[in-house]
Amino acid sequence: MEKRTKALAAGLLYISFIAVTAVSAVIRNKLVDLGNVMVTFENIKASGGLFQLGFMFELVSALLFLLSAWTLWALLKDTNGSLALLFLILNSIGTAIHSFSLVAYFTALKVLSGAGYLGALQSDQASALAMLLLHLRENGFQVSQLFFAAWLLPLGYTVYKSGFAPRALGGLLMVEFLTWTAYFAQFFFFPGISWLVIACSAIGFLGEVSLALWLVIWGARRR
């Protein structure tokens, strides 16, 4: 496969991943309030189909992210095969952790659906169990961020050395490695510093969107 074709495929997959992730985040934020059990309970009970759709979108986004990493490996392995393999492995581990945590997310809907085998649980007990599962999903997602941060360092350096992309783009990805590492640390050690989450997310969005757009533009350009 020609390098420009690989770049175009990687860019389109990355853009699709970002778009699907945004939709799933909107749905999740609309229905789930981790600080309010009763509001979350009522939202999910009233919009179970939307909750399930959000789960499906989040699972698809994980698959798209893994495919994006694989196409980037195919594109960059000739630049540095060891580093390309490293960022693919790190992305795969993060995706696996995130995907496994989504099982808890979907199970929360089953708990609140009132299936027959859950009849022994009182309403407040079912709500508490569902909230525990939602927190489990959140914790799993945050753990996966360590690997999603780590993959950006070898990816950024490989892009920096590749020669077909602006070196500034590779540098931005390596800076993004620092911001997502700070995001990971903030969740566990400084949960009250909300501005850090906003700053890290903004830089992360800038770096990954820039990479995706460059791959599409460069890949689509004629020789």
N, C-alpha and C. Protein backbone atom coordinates (compact mmCIF):
# COMPACT_ATOMS: atom_id res chain seq x y z
N MET A 1 0.85 -1.19 0.00
CA MET A 1 0.00 0.00 0.00
C MET A 1 0.89 1.25 0.00
N GLU A 2 0.59 2.21 -0.87
CA GLU A 2 1.36 3.43 -0.97
C GLU A 2 1.30 4.22 0.33
N LYS A 3 2.38 4.94 0.64
CA LYS A 3 2.45 5.68 1.90
C LYS A 3 1.34 6.71 2.01
N ARG A 4 1.01 7.39 0.92
CA ARG A 4 -0.06 8.39 0.98
C ARG A 4 -1.41 7.72 1.25
N THR A 5 -1.61 6.54 0.71
CA THR A 5 -2.85 5.82 0.98
C THR A 5 -2.95 5.43 2.44
N LYS A 6 -1.83 4.99 3.01
CA LYS A 6 -1.80 4.65 4.44
C LYS A 6 -2.08 5.89 5.28
N ALA A 7 -1.50 7.02 4.90
CA ALA A 7 -1.73 8.26 5.64
C ALA A 7 -3.19 8.67 5.58
N LEU A 8 -3.79 8.56 4.40
CA LEU A 8 -5.20 8.92 4.25
C LEU A 8 -6.09 8.01 5.10
N ALA A 9 -5.80 6.71 5.07
CA ALA A 9 -6.59 5.76 5.87
C ALA A 9 -6.45 6.06 7.36
N ALA A 10 -5.22 6.33 7.80
CA ALA A 10 -4.99 6.63 9.21
C ALA A 10 -5.72 7.91 9.62
N GLY A 11 -5.66 8.92 8.76
CA GLY A 11 -6.32 10.18 9.07
C GLY A 11 -7.83 10.04 9.15
N LEU A 12 -8.41 9.33 8.19
CA LEU A 12 -9.87 9.15 8.20
C LEU A 12 -10.32 8.34 9.41
N LEU A 13 -9.56 7.31 9.76
CA LEU A 13 -9.91 6.52 10.95
C LEU A 13 -9.79 7.36 12.21
N TYR A 14 -8.75 8.19 12.27
CA TYR A 14 -8.55 9.03 13.46
C TYR A 14 -9.67 10.06 13.60
N ILE A 15 -10.04 10.68 12.48
CA ILE A 15 -11.14 11.65 12.52
C ILE A 15 -12.45 10.97 12.93
N SER A 16 -12.67 9.77 12.40
CA SER A 16 -13.88 9.01 12.77
C SER A 16 -13.87 8.69 14.26
N PHE A 17 -12.70 8.31 14.77
CA PHE A 17 -12.58 8.02 16.20
C PHE A 17 -12.93 9.25 17.04
N ILE A 18 -12.41 10.41 16.66
CA ILE A 18 -12.66 11.64 17.41
C ILE A 18 -14.15 11.98 17.38
N ALA A 19 -14.77 11.85 16.21
CA ALA A 19 -16.20 12.19 16.07
C ALA A 19 -17.07 11.25 16.89
N VAL A 20 -16.82 9.95 16.80
CA VAL A 20 -17.63 8.98 17.54
C VAL A 20 -17.42 9.14 19.04
N THR A 21 -16.18 9.42 19.46
CA THR A 21 -15.90 9.65 20.88
C THR A 21 -16.66 10.86 21.39
N ALA A 22 -16.73 11.92 20.59
CA ALA A 22 -17.45 13.13 21.00
C ALA A 22 -18.94 12.83 21.20
N VAL A 23 -19.52 12.06 20.28
CA VAL A 23 -20.94 11.71 20.40
C VAL A 23 -21.18 10.89 21.67
N SER A 24 -20.34 9.90 21.92
CA SER A 24 -20.52 9.06 23.10
C SER A 24 -20.36 9.88 24.38
N ALA A 25 -19.45 10.85 24.38
CA ALA A 25 -19.25 11.69 25.56
C ALA A 25 -20.47 12.56 25.82
N VAL A 26 -21.07 13.08 24.76
CA VAL A 26 -22.28 13.90 24.91
C VAL A 26 -23.41 13.07 25.53
N ILE A 27 -23.59 11.86 25.03
CA ILE A 27 -24.65 10.99 25.56
C ILE A 27 -24.39 10.65 27.02
N ARG A 28 -23.14 10.29 27.33
CA ARG A 28 -22.80 9.92 28.70
C ARG A 28 -23.00 11.09 29.66
N ASN A 29 -22.56 12.27 29.27
CA ASN A 29 -22.70 13.44 30.15
C ASN A 29 -24.16 13.85 30.32
N LYS A 30 -24.98 13.54 29.33
CA LYS A 30 -26.40 13.86 29.41
C LYS A 30 -27.13 12.97 30.42
N LEU A 31 -26.68 11.71 30.51
CA LEU A 31 -27.40 10.74 31.33
C LEU A 31 -26.75 10.45 32.68
N VAL A 32 -25.43 10.52 32.75
CA VAL A 32 -24.71 10.05 33.94
C VAL A 32 -24.16 11.23 34.74
N ASP A 33 -24.54 11.29 36.00
CA ASP A 33 -23.99 12.24 36.96
C ASP A 33 -23.43 11.42 38.11
N LEU A 34 -22.11 11.24 38.11
CA LEU A 34 -21.49 10.36 39.11
C LEU A 34 -21.63 10.88 40.53
N GLY A 35 -22.03 12.13 40.69
CA GLY A 35 -22.21 12.68 42.01
C GLY A 35 -23.64 12.63 42.50
N ASN A 36 -24.56 12.14 41.66
CA ASN A 36 -25.97 12.13 42.04
C ASN A 36 -26.60 10.81 41.61
N VAL A 37 -26.81 9.92 42.58
CA VAL A 37 -27.32 8.59 42.28
C VAL A 37 -28.73 8.65 41.70
N MET A 38 -29.59 9.44 42.32
CA MET A 38 -31.00 9.44 41.93
C MET A 38 -31.21 10.04 40.55
N VAL A 39 -30.50 11.12 40.25
CA VAL A 39 -30.63 11.73 38.92
C VAL A 39 -30.17 10.75 37.85
N THR A 40 -29.04 10.10 38.08
CA THR A 40 -28.53 9.11 37.13
C THR A 40 -29.51 7.95 36.96
N PHE A 41 -30.05 7.49 38.09
CA PHE A 41 -31.02 6.39 38.07
C PHE A 41 -32.23 6.76 37.20
N GLU A 42 -32.78 7.93 37.42
CA GLU A 42 -33.96 8.35 36.66
C GLU A 42 -33.64 8.56 35.19
N ASN A 43 -32.48 9.12 34.90
CA ASN A 43 -32.09 9.35 33.51
C ASN A 43 -31.97 8.04 32.73
N ILE A 44 -31.31 7.07 33.35
CA ILE A 44 -31.09 5.80 32.66
C ILE A 44 -32.40 5.03 32.52
N LYS A 45 -33.22 5.06 33.56
CA LYS A 45 -34.51 4.38 33.48
C LYS A 45 -35.39 4.97 32.38
N ALA A 46 -35.32 6.29 32.23
CA ALA A 46 -36.16 6.97 31.24
C ALA A 46 -35.58 6.88 29.84
N SER A 47 -34.25 6.71 29.72
CA SER A 47 -33.61 6.73 28.39
C SER A 47 -32.65 5.56 28.25
N GLY A 48 -33.16 4.36 28.53
CA GLY A 48 -32.31 3.17 28.44
C GLY A 48 -31.75 2.94 27.05
N GLY A 49 -32.57 3.23 26.02
CA GLY A 49 -32.11 3.05 24.65
C GLY A 49 -30.97 3.99 24.30
N LEU A 50 -31.06 5.24 24.76
CA LEU A 50 -29.99 6.21 24.52
C LEU A 50 -28.73 5.81 25.26
N PHE A 51 -28.89 5.31 26.48
CA PHE A 51 -27.74 4.84 27.26
C PHE A 51 -27.04 3.70 26.54
N GLN A 52 -27.82 2.77 26.00
CA GLN A 52 -27.25 1.64 25.27
C GLN A 52 -26.57 2.11 23.99
N LEU A 53 -27.15 3.11 23.33
CA LEU A 53 -26.52 3.67 22.14
C LEU A 53 -25.18 4.31 22.48
N GLY A 54 -25.12 5.00 23.62
CA GLY A 54 -23.86 5.60 24.05
C GLY A 54 -22.79 4.55 24.30
N PHE A 55 -23.21 3.42 24.90
CA PHE A 55 -22.28 2.31 25.12
C PHE A 55 -21.73 1.80 23.79
N MET A 56 -22.60 1.64 22.80
CA MET A 56 -22.17 1.14 21.49
C MET A 56 -21.22 2.12 20.82
N PHE A 57 -21.52 3.41 20.91
CA PHE A 57 -20.64 4.42 20.32
C PHE A 57 -19.27 4.39 20.99
N GLU A 58 -19.25 4.23 22.31
CA GLU A 58 -17.97 4.22 23.01
C GLU A 58 -17.16 2.97 22.66
N LEU A 59 -17.82 1.86 22.47
CA LEU A 59 -17.12 0.64 22.07
C LEU A 59 -16.57 0.76 20.65
N VAL A 60 -17.36 1.34 19.75
CA VAL A 60 -16.90 1.56 18.37
C VAL A 60 -15.71 2.53 18.35
N SER A 61 -15.77 3.55 19.21
CA SER A 61 -14.66 4.51 19.25
C SER A 61 -13.36 3.83 19.67
N ALA A 62 -13.45 2.86 20.60
CA ALA A 62 -12.26 2.11 21.02
C ALA A 62 -11.69 1.32 19.85
N LEU A 63 -12.57 0.70 19.07
CA LEU A 63 -12.12 -0.05 17.90
C LEU A 63 -11.47 0.87 16.87
N LEU A 64 -12.07 2.02 16.62
CA LEU A 64 -11.51 2.97 15.66
C LEU A 64 -10.14 3.48 16.11
N PHE A 65 -9.99 3.68 17.42
CA PHE A 65 -8.70 4.15 17.93
C PHE A 65 -7.62 3.10 17.72
N LEU A 66 -7.96 1.84 17.95
CA LEU A 66 -7.00 0.76 17.74
C LEU A 66 -6.64 0.64 16.25
N LEU A 67 -7.62 0.75 15.38
CA LEU A 67 -7.36 0.69 13.94
C LEU A 67 -6.52 1.88 13.49
N SER A 68 -6.74 3.04 14.10
CA SER A 68 -5.93 4.22 13.79
C SER A 68 -4.47 3.95 14.15
N ALA A 69 -4.25 3.37 15.33
CA ALA A 69 -2.89 3.06 15.76
C ALA A 69 -2.23 2.05 14.83
N TRP A 70 -3.02 1.08 14.37
CA TRP A 70 -2.46 0.06 13.47
C TRP A 70 -2.06 0.67 12.12
N THR A 71 -2.88 1.54 11.57
CA THR A 71 -2.53 2.18 10.29
C THR A 71 -1.35 3.12 10.47
N LEU A 72 -1.24 3.78 11.63
CA LEU A 72 -0.08 4.62 11.88
C LEU A 72 1.19 3.78 12.00
N TRP A 73 1.06 2.60 12.60
CA TRP A 73 2.21 1.67 12.65
C TRP A 73 2.64 1.29 11.24
N ALA A 74 1.66 0.96 10.38
CA ALA A 74 1.99 0.60 9.00
C ALA A 74 2.65 1.76 8.26
N LEU A 75 2.25 2.97 8.60
CA LEU A 75 2.79 4.16 7.93
C LEU A 75 4.19 4.49 8.41
N LEU A 76 4.45 4.30 9.70
CA LEU A 76 5.69 4.80 10.31
C LEU A 76 6.72 3.73 10.65
N LYS A 77 6.41 2.47 10.39
CA LYS A 77 7.34 1.40 10.78
C LYS A 77 8.65 1.49 10.02
N ASP A 78 8.64 2.06 8.81
CA ASP A 78 9.89 2.20 8.06
C ASP A 78 10.78 3.30 8.63
N THR A 79 10.18 4.23 9.37
CA THR A 79 10.97 5.30 10.00
C THR A 79 11.70 4.76 11.21
N ASN A 80 10.98 4.06 12.07
CA ASN A 80 11.59 3.43 13.25
C ASN A 80 10.68 2.29 13.69
N GLY A 81 11.02 1.09 13.29
CA GLY A 81 10.16 -0.06 13.53
C GLY A 81 9.93 -0.35 15.00
N SER A 82 10.96 -0.17 15.83
CA SER A 82 10.84 -0.47 17.26
C SER A 82 9.88 0.50 17.95
N LEU A 83 10.02 1.79 17.65
CA LEU A 83 9.15 2.78 18.27
C LEU A 83 7.72 2.66 17.73
N ALA A 84 7.59 2.33 16.46
CA ALA A 84 6.26 2.15 15.90
C ALA A 84 5.55 0.97 16.56
N LEU A 85 6.28 -0.10 16.79
CA LEU A 85 5.69 -1.25 17.50
C LEU A 85 5.34 -0.89 18.93
N LEU A 86 6.19 -0.07 19.56
CA LEU A 86 5.95 0.33 20.95
C LEU A 86 4.66 1.13 21.07
N PHE A 87 4.46 2.13 20.18
CA PHE A 87 3.23 2.91 20.33
C PHE A 87 1.99 2.10 19.99
N LEU A 88 2.12 1.12 19.10
CA LEU A 88 0.99 0.23 18.81
C LEU A 88 0.64 -0.63 20.03
N ILE A 89 1.65 -1.15 20.71
CA ILE A 89 1.42 -1.98 21.89
C ILE A 89 0.79 -1.16 23.02
N LEU A 90 1.31 0.04 23.25
CA LEU A 90 0.77 0.90 24.31
C LEU A 90 -0.68 1.27 24.03
N ASN A 91 -0.99 1.58 22.78
CA ASN A 91 -2.37 1.90 22.41
C ASN A 91 -3.26 0.68 22.62
N SER A 92 -2.76 -0.50 22.25
CA SER A 92 -3.56 -1.72 22.39
C SER A 92 -3.88 -2.02 23.84
N ILE A 93 -2.91 -1.82 24.74
CA ILE A 93 -3.15 -2.07 26.16
C ILE A 93 -4.19 -1.09 26.70
N GLY A 94 -4.05 0.19 26.35
CA GLY A 94 -5.02 1.18 26.80
C GLY A 94 -6.42 0.88 26.28
N THR A 95 -6.50 0.48 25.02
CA THR A 95 -7.80 0.16 24.43
C THR A 95 -8.43 -1.06 25.11
N ALA A 96 -7.60 -2.04 25.44
CA ALA A 96 -8.11 -3.24 26.11
C ALA A 96 -8.67 -2.91 27.50
N ILE A 97 -7.95 -2.07 28.25
CA ILE A 97 -8.42 -1.67 29.59
C ILE A 97 -9.73 -0.90 29.48
N HIS A 98 -9.77 0.05 28.56
CA HIS A 98 -10.98 0.86 28.36
C HIS A 98 -12.16 -0.02 27.95
N SER A 99 -11.93 -0.93 27.01
CA SER A 99 -13.01 -1.79 26.53
C SER A 99 -13.53 -2.69 27.64
N PHE A 100 -12.64 -3.21 28.46
CA PHE A 100 -13.07 -4.07 29.57
C PHE A 100 -13.91 -3.29 30.56
N SER A 101 -13.53 -2.02 30.80
CA SER A 101 -14.30 -1.20 31.75
C SER A 101 -15.70 -0.93 31.23
N LEU A 102 -15.89 -0.98 29.90
CA LEU A 102 -17.22 -0.74 29.32
C LEU A 102 -18.20 -1.87 29.65
N VAL A 103 -17.67 -3.04 29.99
CA VAL A 103 -18.56 -4.13 30.41
C VAL A 103 -19.33 -3.71 31.66
N ALA A 104 -18.63 -3.04 32.58
CA ALA A 104 -19.30 -2.54 33.79
C ALA A 104 -20.34 -1.49 33.43
N TYR A 105 -20.02 -0.64 32.46
CA TYR A 105 -20.94 0.41 32.01
C TYR A 105 -22.25 -0.19 31.51
N PHE A 106 -22.13 -1.23 30.68
CA PHE A 106 -23.32 -1.86 30.12
C PHE A 106 -24.07 -2.66 31.18
N THR A 107 -23.33 -3.26 32.12
CA THR A 107 -23.96 -4.04 33.19
C THR A 107 -24.83 -3.16 34.07
N ALA A 108 -24.45 -1.89 34.22
CA ALA A 108 -25.26 -0.96 35.02
C ALA A 108 -26.67 -0.85 34.47
N LEU A 109 -26.79 -0.86 33.14
CA LEU A 109 -28.11 -0.80 32.52
C LEU A 109 -28.90 -2.06 32.85
N LYS A 110 -28.25 -3.22 32.84
CA LYS A 110 -28.92 -4.47 33.17
C LYS A 110 -29.41 -4.48 34.62
N VAL A 111 -28.61 -3.91 35.50
CA VAL A 111 -29.00 -3.85 36.91
C VAL A 111 -30.26 -3.01 37.08
N LEU A 112 -30.32 -1.90 36.36
CA LEU A 112 -31.46 -0.99 36.49
C LEU A 112 -32.67 -1.45 35.69
N SER A 113 -32.49 -2.45 34.83
CA SER A 113 -33.61 -2.92 34.01
C SER A 113 -34.61 -3.76 34.80
N GLY A 114 -34.17 -4.21 35.99
CA GLY A 114 -35.07 -4.99 36.84
C GLY A 114 -35.27 -6.41 36.35
N ALA A 115 -34.22 -7.03 35.82
CA ALA A 115 -34.32 -8.42 35.37
C ALA A 115 -34.70 -9.33 36.54
N GLY A 116 -35.34 -10.46 36.22
CA GLY A 116 -35.88 -11.34 37.24
C GLY A 116 -34.87 -11.80 38.26
N TYR A 117 -33.66 -12.12 37.83
CA TYR A 117 -32.66 -12.63 38.76
C TYR A 117 -32.13 -11.55 39.70
N LEU A 118 -32.51 -10.27 39.45
CA LEU A 118 -32.11 -9.18 40.35
C LEU A 118 -33.25 -8.78 41.29
N GLY A 119 -34.30 -9.60 41.32
CA GLY A 119 -35.46 -9.27 42.14
C GLY A 119 -35.16 -9.19 43.62
N ALA A 120 -34.08 -9.82 44.07
CA ALA A 120 -33.75 -9.80 45.49
C ALA A 120 -33.23 -8.44 45.93
N LEU A 121 -32.86 -7.59 44.98
CA LEU A 121 -32.32 -6.28 45.32
C LEU A 121 -33.44 -5.27 45.48
N GLN A 122 -33.35 -4.48 46.53
CA GLN A 122 -34.27 -3.36 46.70
C GLN A 122 -33.90 -2.26 45.70
N SER A 123 -34.81 -1.32 45.49
CA SER A 123 -34.59 -0.26 44.51
C SER A 123 -33.33 0.54 44.83
N ASP A 124 -33.14 0.90 46.10
CA ASP A 124 -31.97 1.68 46.47
C ASP A 124 -30.69 0.86 46.35
N GLN A 125 -30.79 -0.44 46.60
CA GLN A 125 -29.62 -1.31 46.43
C GLN A 125 -29.23 -1.43 44.96
N ALA A 126 -30.22 -1.56 44.09
CA ALA A 126 -29.95 -1.64 42.65
C ALA A 126 -29.33 -0.34 42.16
N SER A 127 -29.82 0.78 42.65
CA SER A 127 -29.27 2.08 42.25
C SER A 127 -27.81 2.20 42.69
N ALA A 128 -27.53 1.78 43.94
CA ALA A 128 -26.16 1.86 44.46
C ALA A 128 -25.23 0.95 43.67
N LEU A 129 -25.69 -0.26 43.34
CA LEU A 129 -24.87 -1.19 42.56
C LEU A 129 -24.61 -0.63 41.17
N ALA A 130 -25.63 -0.05 40.54
CA ALA A 130 -25.46 0.53 39.21
C ALA A 130 -24.46 1.68 39.25
N MET A 131 -24.54 2.51 40.30
CA MET A 131 -23.59 3.62 40.42
C MET A 131 -22.17 3.12 40.63
N LEU A 132 -22.02 2.04 41.40
CA LEU A 132 -20.70 1.44 41.59
C LEU A 132 -20.12 0.98 40.25
N LEU A 133 -20.96 0.38 39.42
CA LEU A 133 -20.51 -0.08 38.10
C LEU A 133 -20.13 1.10 37.20
N LEU A 134 -20.87 2.19 37.29
CA LEU A 134 -20.54 3.38 36.50
C LEU A 134 -19.21 3.98 36.95
N HIS A 135 -18.98 3.96 38.27
CA HIS A 135 -17.69 4.44 38.78
C HIS A 135 -16.56 3.50 38.34
N LEU A 136 -16.85 2.21 38.26
CA LEU A 136 -15.85 1.25 37.80
C LEU A 136 -15.45 1.56 36.37
N ARG A 137 -16.44 1.90 35.53
CA ARG A 137 -16.13 2.29 34.16
C ARG A 137 -15.24 3.53 34.13
N GLU A 138 -15.59 4.52 34.96
CA GLU A 138 -14.81 5.76 35.02
C GLU A 138 -13.39 5.50 35.46
N ASN A 139 -13.22 4.66 36.49
CA ASN A 139 -11.87 4.34 36.98
C ASN A 139 -11.06 3.58 35.93
N GLY A 140 -11.72 2.64 35.22
CA GLY A 140 -11.03 1.92 34.17
C GLY A 140 -10.59 2.85 33.05
N PHE A 141 -11.46 3.79 32.70
CA PHE A 141 -11.11 4.78 31.67
C PHE A 141 -9.89 5.60 32.08
N GLN A 142 -9.87 6.02 33.35
CA GLN A 142 -8.75 6.84 33.82
C GLN A 142 -7.45 6.04 33.86
N VAL A 143 -7.52 4.77 34.22
CA VAL A 143 -6.31 3.93 34.20
C VAL A 143 -5.79 3.81 32.76
N SER A 144 -6.69 3.66 31.81
CA SER A 144 -6.27 3.53 30.41
C SER A 144 -5.55 4.78 29.91
N GLN A 145 -5.81 5.94 30.55
CA GLN A 145 -5.18 7.18 30.11
C GLN A 145 -3.66 7.16 30.27
N LEU A 146 -3.15 6.37 31.20
CA LEU A 146 -1.71 6.26 31.36
C LEU A 146 -1.09 5.69 30.08
N PHE A 147 -1.71 4.69 29.51
CA PHE A 147 -1.19 4.07 28.29
C PHE A 147 -1.48 4.95 27.07
N PHE A 148 -2.62 5.63 27.08
CA PHE A 148 -2.93 6.54 25.98
C PHE A 148 -2.02 7.77 26.01
N ALA A 149 -1.53 8.13 27.20
CA ALA A 149 -0.52 9.19 27.29
C ALA A 149 0.83 8.68 26.79
N ALA A 150 1.20 7.48 27.25
CA ALA A 150 2.52 6.94 26.93
C ALA A 150 2.71 6.70 25.44
N TRP A 151 1.62 6.33 24.73
CA TRP A 151 1.80 6.01 23.31
C TRP A 151 2.15 7.26 22.49
N LEU A 152 1.83 8.44 23.02
CA LEU A 152 2.07 9.68 22.28
C LEU A 152 3.55 10.04 22.20
N LEU A 153 4.35 9.58 23.16
CA LEU A 153 5.77 9.91 23.13
C LEU A 153 6.49 9.22 21.97
N PRO A 154 6.43 7.89 21.84
CA PRO A 154 7.06 7.27 20.66
C PRO A 154 6.38 7.67 19.35
N LEU A 155 5.06 7.88 19.39
CA LEU A 155 4.37 8.33 18.17
C LEU A 155 4.88 9.70 17.75
N GLY A 156 4.95 10.64 18.69
CA GLY A 156 5.41 11.98 18.36
C GLY A 156 6.83 12.00 17.85
N TYR A 157 7.71 11.22 18.49
CA TYR A 157 9.10 11.19 18.05
C TYR A 157 9.23 10.58 16.65
N THR A 158 8.44 9.53 16.40
CA THR A 158 8.49 8.89 15.08
C THR A 158 7.96 9.83 14.00
N VAL A 159 6.88 10.55 14.30
CA VAL A 159 6.37 11.55 13.36
C VAL A 159 7.42 12.63 13.14
N TYR A 160 8.09 13.06 14.21
CA TYR A 160 9.13 14.08 14.13
C TYR A 160 10.26 13.66 13.19
N LYS A 161 10.63 12.37 13.22
CA LYS A 161 11.75 11.88 12.41
C LYS A 161 11.32 11.38 11.03
N SER A 162 10.02 11.34 10.77
CA SER A 162 9.53 10.68 9.55
C SER A 162 9.90 11.42 8.27
N GLY A 163 9.93 12.75 8.32
CA GLY A 163 10.29 13.52 7.13
C GLY A 163 9.12 13.93 6.27
N PHE A 164 7.96 13.26 6.38
CA PHE A 164 6.83 13.63 5.54
C PHE A 164 5.85 14.55 6.27
N ALA A 165 6.01 14.70 7.57
CA ALA A 165 5.12 15.56 8.36
C ALA A 165 5.94 16.68 8.98
N PRO A 166 5.32 17.82 9.26
CA PRO A 166 6.04 18.91 9.91
C PRO A 166 6.60 18.46 11.26
N ARG A 167 7.83 18.83 11.54
CA ARG A 167 8.43 18.44 12.82
C ARG A 167 7.67 19.03 14.00
N ALA A 168 7.05 20.18 13.77
CA ALA A 168 6.27 20.81 14.84
C ALA A 168 5.11 19.91 15.28
N LEU A 169 4.57 19.14 14.33
CA LEU A 169 3.47 18.24 14.66
C LEU A 169 3.95 17.13 15.59
N GLY A 170 5.13 16.58 15.30
CA GLY A 170 5.70 15.58 16.19
C GLY A 170 6.00 16.15 17.56
N GLY A 171 6.51 17.39 17.58
CA GLY A 171 6.78 18.05 18.85
C GLY A 171 5.52 18.28 19.66
N LEU A 172 4.43 18.65 18.98
CA LEU A 172 3.15 18.87 19.65
C LEU A 172 2.63 17.58 20.28
N LEU A 173 2.81 16.45 19.59
CA LEU A 173 2.39 15.17 20.14
C LEU A 173 3.20 14.80 21.38
N MET A 174 4.49 15.14 21.38
CA MET A 174 5.30 14.85 22.56
C MET A 174 4.92 15.75 23.73
N VAL A 175 4.54 16.99 23.45
CA VAL A 175 4.02 17.87 24.50
C VAL A 175 2.70 17.31 25.02
N GLU A 176 1.89 16.78 24.12
CA GLU A 176 0.61 16.18 24.51
C GLU A 176 0.83 15.00 25.45
N PHE A 177 1.93 14.27 25.25
CA PHE A 177 2.28 13.18 26.18
C PHE A 177 2.37 13.70 27.60
N LEU A 178 2.98 14.87 27.77
CA LEU A 178 3.12 15.46 29.10
C LEU A 178 1.76 15.88 29.67
N THR A 179 0.91 16.45 28.82
CA THR A 179 -0.38 16.94 29.31
C THR A 179 -1.29 15.78 29.70
N TRP A 180 -1.30 14.69 28.91
CA TRP A 180 -2.16 13.56 29.26
C TRP A 180 -1.62 12.80 30.47
N THR A 181 -0.30 12.83 30.66
CA THR A 181 0.26 12.26 31.89
C THR A 181 -0.18 13.07 33.09
N ALA A 182 -0.21 14.41 32.93
CA ALA A 182 -0.71 15.28 34.00
C ALA A 182 -2.19 15.03 34.25
N TYR A 183 -2.96 14.77 33.17
CA TYR A 183 -4.38 14.46 33.31
C TYR A 183 -4.57 13.19 34.14
N PHE A 184 -3.75 12.18 33.87
CA PHE A 184 -3.81 10.92 34.62
C PHE A 184 -3.50 11.17 36.09
N ALA A 185 -2.43 11.94 36.36
CA ALA A 185 -2.04 12.21 37.73
C ALA A 185 -3.09 13.05 38.46
N GLN A 186 -3.70 13.99 37.73
CA GLN A 186 -4.70 14.86 38.34
C GLN A 186 -5.88 14.06 38.89
N PHE A 187 -6.34 13.07 38.14
CA PHE A 187 -7.50 12.30 38.57
C PHE A 187 -7.26 11.58 39.88
N PHE A 188 -6.04 11.05 40.06
CA PHE A 188 -5.76 10.23 41.24
C PHE A 188 -5.22 11.05 42.42
N PHE A 189 -4.48 12.13 42.13
CA PHE A 189 -3.80 12.84 43.21
C PHE A 189 -4.34 14.26 43.46
N PHE A 190 -4.90 14.89 42.43
CA PHE A 190 -5.40 16.26 42.58
C PHE A 190 -6.79 16.39 41.97
N PRO A 191 -7.76 15.64 42.47
CA PRO A 191 -9.09 15.61 41.83
C PRO A 191 -9.82 16.94 41.87
N GLY A 192 -9.40 17.85 42.75
CA GLY A 192 -10.11 19.12 42.86
C GLY A 192 -9.68 20.18 41.88
N ILE A 193 -8.61 19.92 41.12
CA ILE A 193 -8.08 20.94 40.20
C ILE A 193 -8.73 20.76 38.84
N SER A 194 -9.90 21.36 38.66
CA SER A 194 -10.66 21.15 37.43
C SER A 194 -10.04 21.86 36.23
N TRP A 195 -9.34 22.99 36.46
CA TRP A 195 -8.77 23.72 35.34
C TRP A 195 -7.69 22.91 34.63
N LEU A 196 -7.04 22.01 35.37
CA LEU A 196 -6.00 21.19 34.77
C LEU A 196 -6.60 20.22 33.75
N VAL A 197 -7.79 19.70 34.06
CA VAL A 197 -8.48 18.81 33.13
C VAL A 197 -8.80 19.55 31.83
N ILE A 198 -9.30 20.78 31.96
CA ILE A 198 -9.66 21.57 30.77
C ILE A 198 -8.43 21.87 29.93
N ALA A 199 -7.33 22.27 30.58
CA ALA A 199 -6.11 22.62 29.85
C ALA A 199 -5.54 21.40 29.13
N CYS A 200 -5.47 20.27 29.84
CA CYS A 200 -4.92 19.05 29.24
C CYS A 200 -5.78 18.57 28.08
N SER A 201 -7.10 18.63 28.25
CA SER A 201 -8.00 18.20 27.19
C SER A 201 -7.87 19.08 25.96
N ALA A 202 -7.72 20.39 26.17
CA ALA A 202 -7.60 21.32 25.04
C ALA A 202 -6.33 21.05 24.24
N ILE A 203 -5.21 20.85 24.93
CA ILE A 203 -3.96 20.57 24.23
C ILE A 203 -4.03 19.22 23.54
N GLY A 204 -4.64 18.24 24.21
CA GLY A 204 -4.79 16.92 23.60
C GLY A 204 -5.64 16.97 22.35
N PHE A 205 -6.73 17.72 22.42
CA PHE A 205 -7.60 17.87 21.26
C PHE A 205 -6.85 18.51 20.10
N LEU A 206 -6.08 19.55 20.39
CA LEU A 206 -5.32 20.25 19.36
C LEU A 206 -4.32 19.32 18.68
N GLY A 207 -3.58 18.55 19.49
CA GLY A 207 -2.55 17.69 18.92
C GLY A 207 -3.12 16.57 18.06
N GLU A 208 -4.16 15.89 18.54
CA GLU A 208 -4.67 14.74 17.82
C GLU A 208 -5.50 15.15 16.60
N VAL A 209 -6.23 16.25 16.70
CA VAL A 209 -6.97 16.74 15.53
C VAL A 209 -5.99 17.22 14.46
N SER A 210 -4.91 17.89 14.88
CA SER A 210 -3.90 18.35 13.92
C SER A 210 -3.27 17.17 13.19
N LEU A 211 -2.97 16.10 13.93
CA LEU A 211 -2.39 14.91 13.31
C LEU A 211 -3.37 14.30 12.30
N ALA A 212 -4.63 14.16 12.71
CA ALA A 212 -5.62 13.54 11.82
C ALA A 212 -5.81 14.37 10.55
N LEU A 213 -5.93 15.68 10.69
CA LEU A 213 -6.15 16.54 9.52
C LEU A 213 -4.93 16.53 8.61
N TRP A 214 -3.73 16.54 9.19
CA TRP A 214 -2.54 16.53 8.35
C TRP A 214 -2.46 15.22 7.55
N LEU A 215 -2.76 14.11 8.18
CA LEU A 215 -2.72 12.82 7.48
C LEU A 215 -3.70 12.79 6.32
N VAL A 216 -4.91 13.33 6.53
CA VAL A 216 -5.89 13.36 5.46
C VAL A 216 -5.44 14.28 4.33
N ILE A 217 -4.97 15.46 4.68
CA ILE A 217 -4.56 16.43 3.65
C ILE A 217 -3.36 15.92 2.88
N TRP A 218 -2.34 15.45 3.61
CA TRP A 218 -1.13 14.96 2.95
C TRP A 218 -1.42 13.69 2.14
N GLY A 219 -2.26 12.81 2.70
CA GLY A 219 -2.57 11.57 2.00
C GLY A 219 -3.40 11.77 0.75
N ALA A 220 -4.27 12.79 0.77
CA ALA A 220 -5.13 13.03 -0.37
C ALA A 220 -4.44 13.84 -1.47
N ARG A 221 -3.34 14.47 -1.16
CA ARG A 221 -2.64 15.31 -2.12
C ARG A 221 -2.00 14.45 -3.22
N ARG A 222 -2.13 14.87 -4.45
CA ARG A 222 -1.52 14.12 -5.56
C ARG A 222 -0.01 14.31 -5.55
N ARG A 223 0.67 13.30 -6.08
CA ARG A 223 2.12 13.43 -6.23
C ARG A 223 2.44 14.51 -7.25
